[in-house]
């Protein structure tokens, strides 16, 4: 099993969900997070002067899937989240050792 975590722009969440639903993926966990990368935040100028917001709001989408679905999900995430501009986000893929469905006690791919 693979755990896929994607840090994306807030405004791209609906497109990401639609891209995932198009490949029959509906299960996901979504969290509001803050972070920074190459972009190093944004600088604004107002009447009081310049100020920098260096931790930008992002969305963290987490999906755990059987190994064979991982590549299709990564492609869907890229399709839904890409703007071509700096700050589009990152995708992290890691191995999941074990998964258990609490309600039934099922394990492994059956628990997904």
Protein backbone atom coordinates (compact mmCIF):
# COMPACT_ATOMS: atom_id res chain seq x y z
CA UNK A 1 0.00 0.00 0.00
CA UNK A 2 1.08 3.56 -0.66
CA UNK A 3 0.32 6.75 1.24
CA UNK A 4 0.16 9.72 -1.10
CA UNK A 5 0.25 13.21 0.43
CA UNK A 6 -0.22 16.25 -1.78
CA UNK A 7 0.26 19.83 -0.64
CA UNK A 8 -1.79 21.97 -3.02
CA UNK A 9 -3.24 25.44 -3.41
CA UNK A 10 -6.59 26.09 -1.66
CA UNK A 11 -8.27 27.12 -4.88
CA UNK A 12 -7.29 23.87 -6.65
CA UNK A 13 -9.03 21.51 -4.20
CA UNK A 14 -12.22 21.16 -6.24
CA UNK A 15 -10.27 20.40 -9.42
CA UNK A 16 -8.17 17.81 -7.56
CA UNK A 17 -11.29 16.15 -6.16
CA UNK A 18 -12.86 16.07 -9.64
CA UNK A 19 -9.70 14.57 -11.16
CA UNK A 20 -9.64 11.87 -8.47
CA UNK A 21 -13.35 11.11 -8.84
CA UNK A 22 -12.80 10.70 -12.60
CA UNK A 23 -10.56 7.70 -11.80
CA UNK A 24 -12.98 6.35 -9.14
CA UNK A 25 -11.06 7.56 -6.09
CA UNK A 26 -13.36 9.05 -3.47
CA UNK A 27 -11.62 8.33 -0.16
CA UNK A 28 -9.27 11.05 1.05
CA UNK A 29 -8.43 13.13 4.06
CA UNK A 30 -8.09 16.89 3.58
CA UNK A 31 -6.48 19.30 6.05
CA UNK A 32 -5.83 23.02 5.99
CA UNK A 33 -2.12 23.60 6.58
CA UNK A 34 0.42 26.41 6.29
CA UNK A 35 3.83 26.20 4.73
CA UNK A 36 6.43 27.60 2.41
CA UNK A 37 8.82 26.35 -0.19
CA UNK A 38 10.68 28.00 -3.05
CA UNK A 39 8.13 30.78 -3.02
CA UNK A 40 9.22 31.85 0.49
CA UNK A 41 5.89 33.56 1.06
CA UNK A 42 4.44 36.73 -0.39
CA UNK A 43 5.39 40.37 0.10
CA UNK A 44 2.66 43.00 0.32
CA UNK A 45 2.77 46.78 0.35
CA UNK A 46 0.13 48.86 2.07
CA UNK A 47 -0.09 52.29 3.71
CA UNK A 48 1.92 51.09 6.69
CA UNK A 49 4.75 49.81 4.47
CA UNK A 50 5.99 46.43 3.30
CA UNK A 51 5.22 43.20 5.08
CA UNK A 52 5.82 39.53 4.29
CA UNK A 53 3.53 36.56 4.84
CA UNK A 54 5.96 33.67 4.84
CA UNK A 55 3.69 30.76 5.78
CA UNK A 56 1.02 30.49 3.11
CA UNK A 57 -2.27 28.61 3.49
CA UNK A 58 -2.32 25.29 1.62
CA UNK A 59 -4.37 22.10 1.56
CA UNK A 60 -2.94 18.70 2.46
CA UNK A 61 -4.69 15.83 0.66
CA UNK A 62 -3.86 12.35 1.99
CA UNK A 63 -4.84 9.14 0.20
CA UNK A 64 -3.88 5.53 1.01
CA UNK A 65 -4.25 3.10 -1.89
CA UNK A 66 -3.08 -0.27 -3.20
CA UNK A 67 0.32 -0.05 -4.91
CA UNK A 68 -1.09 -0.49 -8.42
CA UNK A 69 -3.29 2.64 -8.19
CA UNK A 70 -0.52 5.00 -7.02
CA UNK A 71 0.70 6.16 -10.45
CA UNK A 72 -2.81 6.97 -11.70
CA UNK A 73 -3.52 8.96 -8.55
CA UNK A 74 -0.29 10.94 -8.86
CA UNK A 75 -1.20 11.77 -12.48
CA UNK A 76 -4.69 12.91 -11.39
CA UNK A 77 -3.24 15.05 -8.60
CA UNK A 78 -0.85 16.75 -11.02
CA UNK A 79 -3.63 17.29 -13.56
CA UNK A 80 -5.94 18.84 -10.96
CA UNK A 81 -3.41 20.93 -9.05
CA UNK A 82 -1.00 22.30 -11.68
CA UNK A 83 -1.12 25.98 -12.61
CA UNK A 84 2.43 26.17 -13.92
CA UNK A 85 3.30 28.86 -11.39
CA UNK A 86 5.59 28.67 -8.38
CA UNK A 87 3.69 27.47 -5.31
CA UNK A 88 1.73 24.65 -6.99
CA UNK A 89 2.82 22.27 -4.22
CA UNK A 90 4.43 18.87 -3.76
CA UNK A 91 3.46 15.20 -3.75
CA UNK A 92 5.00 12.76 -1.27
CA UNK A 93 4.67 8.98 -1.62
CA UNK A 94 5.53 6.56 1.16
CA UNK A 95 5.03 2.89 1.94
CA UNK A 96 2.24 1.92 4.37
CA UNK A 97 3.11 -1.10 6.47
CA UNK A 98 -0.36 -1.95 7.73
CA UNK A 99 -3.96 -0.75 7.48
CA UNK A 100 -6.86 -1.92 9.65
CA UNK A 101 -10.53 -1.00 9.28
CA UNK A 102 -11.75 -0.32 12.81
CA UNK A 103 -15.39 -1.31 12.19
CA UNK A 104 -14.71 -4.80 10.79
CA UNK A 105 -11.11 -5.60 11.67
CA UNK A 106 -10.26 -6.14 7.98
CA UNK A 107 -6.61 -5.61 7.11
CA UNK A 108 -4.55 -4.68 4.08
CA UNK A 109 -6.11 -3.73 0.75
CA UNK A 110 -9.52 -5.01 1.92
CA UNK A 111 -9.51 -2.34 4.63
CA UNK A 112 -9.15 0.44 2.08
